[in-house]
């Protein structure tokens, strides 16, 4: 999170979860300088095997994140622009802005 804050993002919520079983979770909800709401998935793996940390974000995982983001946005009176970022933590930190979308 410090990496993102150093780049100007501000934390809104950590570990946001939808209620009930089978919902979704978002590691970090942050706000960018331009007002964009950024839903961040943080992935780490000790070893680069099996495709590394990035390979663990399947289409199913993306759909759960999108579901949770929609739930979060429903609480807001006027939803701002948003995007889905991924932070990969392996030997270093790699920040993938707009890694996937809600289409």
Protein backbone atom coordinates (compact mmCIF):
# COMPACT_ATOMS: atom_id res chain seq x y z
CA UNK A 1 0.00 0.00 0.00
CA UNK A 2 2.89 2.37 0.69
CA UNK A 3 3.91 2.04 -2.97
CA UNK A 4 0.47 3.27 -4.07
CA UNK A 5 0.31 6.04 -1.48
CA UNK A 6 3.71 7.30 -2.59
CA UNK A 7 2.22 7.58 -6.09
CA UNK A 8 -0.59 9.79 -4.76
CA UNK A 9 -3.40 7.32 -4.07
CA UNK A 10 -5.33 7.66 -0.81
CA UNK A 11 -6.79 4.70 1.06
CA UNK A 12 -10.59 4.62 1.31
CA UNK A 13 -11.17 1.05 2.54
CA UNK A 14 -9.05 -2.02 3.23
CA UNK A 15 -10.41 -5.57 2.77
CA UNK A 16 -13.90 -4.61 1.62
CA UNK A 17 -16.20 -7.65 1.61
CA UNK A 18 -19.72 -8.12 0.37
CA UNK A 19 -22.10 -9.62 2.92
CA UNK A 20 -23.06 -13.28 2.74
CA UNK A 21 -21.42 -16.33 1.27
CA UNK A 22 -20.14 -16.44 -2.27
CA UNK A 23 -19.58 -12.71 -2.46
CA UNK A 24 -16.41 -10.93 -3.29
CA UNK A 25 -13.59 -9.11 -1.60
CA UNK A 26 -11.43 -6.18 -2.61
CA UNK A 27 -8.02 -5.86 -0.98
CA UNK A 28 -7.83 -2.07 -1.26
CA UNK A 29 -10.21 0.65 -2.37
CA UNK A 30 -8.25 3.82 -3.07
CA UNK A 31 -8.85 7.21 -4.62
CA UNK A 32 -6.49 8.60 -7.25
CA UNK A 33 -5.60 12.28 -7.48
CA UNK A 34 -8.08 12.82 -10.32
CA UNK A 35 -10.95 11.40 -8.24
CA UNK A 36 -10.95 7.96 -9.86
CA UNK A 37 -11.90 5.18 -7.47
CA UNK A 38 -9.30 2.42 -7.74
CA UNK A 39 -10.11 -1.16 -6.76
CA UNK A 40 -6.80 -2.89 -6.07
CA UNK A 41 -6.10 -6.62 -5.96
CA UNK A 42 -2.78 -7.45 -4.29
CA UNK A 43 -1.23 -10.80 -5.19
CA UNK A 44 1.97 -12.32 -3.91
CA UNK A 45 3.74 -15.61 -4.34
CA UNK A 46 6.94 -16.74 -2.74
CA UNK A 47 8.06 -18.44 -5.94
CA UNK A 48 7.50 -17.63 -9.59
CA UNK A 49 6.27 -21.15 -10.35
CA UNK A 50 2.82 -21.79 -11.82
CA UNK A 51 2.97 -18.50 -13.72
CA UNK A 52 3.77 -16.24 -10.79
CA UNK A 53 1.44 -13.99 -8.82
CA UNK A 54 -0.26 -12.59 -11.90
CA UNK A 55 -1.40 -16.00 -13.07
CA UNK A 56 -3.44 -16.43 -9.90
CA UNK A 57 -5.95 -13.76 -11.00
CA UNK A 58 -8.34 -15.95 -12.95
CA UNK A 59 -11.46 -14.81 -14.79
CA UNK A 60 -13.49 -16.12 -11.83
CA UNK A 61 -11.42 -14.05 -9.39
CA UNK A 62 -11.88 -10.98 -11.59
CA UNK A 63 -15.66 -11.52 -11.60
CA UNK A 64 -15.71 -11.70 -7.79
CA UNK A 65 -13.76 -8.44 -7.56
CA UNK A 66 -16.12 -6.79 -10.06
CA UNK A 67 -19.13 -8.05 -8.07
CA UNK A 68 -17.71 -6.56 -4.86
CA UNK A 69 -16.89 -3.29 -6.64
CA UNK A 70 -20.46 -2.99 -7.91
CA UNK A 71 -21.72 -3.60 -4.39
CA UNK A 72 -19.39 -0.91 -3.05
CA UNK A 73 -20.46 1.57 -5.76
CA UNK A 74 -24.16 1.05 -4.96
CA UNK A 75 -23.55 2.68 -1.57
CA UNK A 76 -22.33 5.92 -3.15
CA UNK A 77 -24.73 8.72 -4.09
CA UNK A 78 -22.83 9.45 -7.30
CA UNK A 79 -20.32 6.79 -8.39
CA UNK A 80 -17.07 8.27 -9.72
CA UNK A 81 -15.01 6.88 -12.59
CA UNK A 82 -13.27 3.70 -11.47
CA UNK A 83 -10.64 1.22 -12.56
CA UNK A 84 -9.24 -2.14 -11.49
CA UNK A 85 -5.53 -2.28 -10.69
CA UNK A 86 -3.39 -5.24 -9.70
CA UNK A 87 -0.25 -5.11 -7.57
CA UNK A 88 2.05 -8.11 -7.95
CA UNK A 89 4.52 -8.74 -5.15
CA UNK A 90 7.20 -11.27 -5.97
CA UNK A 91 10.86 -10.24 -6.05
CA UNK A 92 9.72 -6.64 -6.31
CA UNK A 93 6.49 -4.69 -6.68
CA UNK A 94 4.79 -4.42 -10.07
CA UNK A 95 1.74 -2.15 -10.35
CA UNK A 96 -0.58 -2.90 -13.25
CA UNK A 97 -2.94 0.04 -13.74
CA UNK A 98 -6.28 -0.78 -15.36
CA UNK A 99 -5.32 -4.47 -15.39
CA UNK A 100 -8.86 -5.53 -16.27
CA UNK A 101 -12.26 -3.95 -16.70
CA UNK A 102 -15.86 -4.70 -15.78
CA UNK A 103 -17.03 -5.47 -19.33
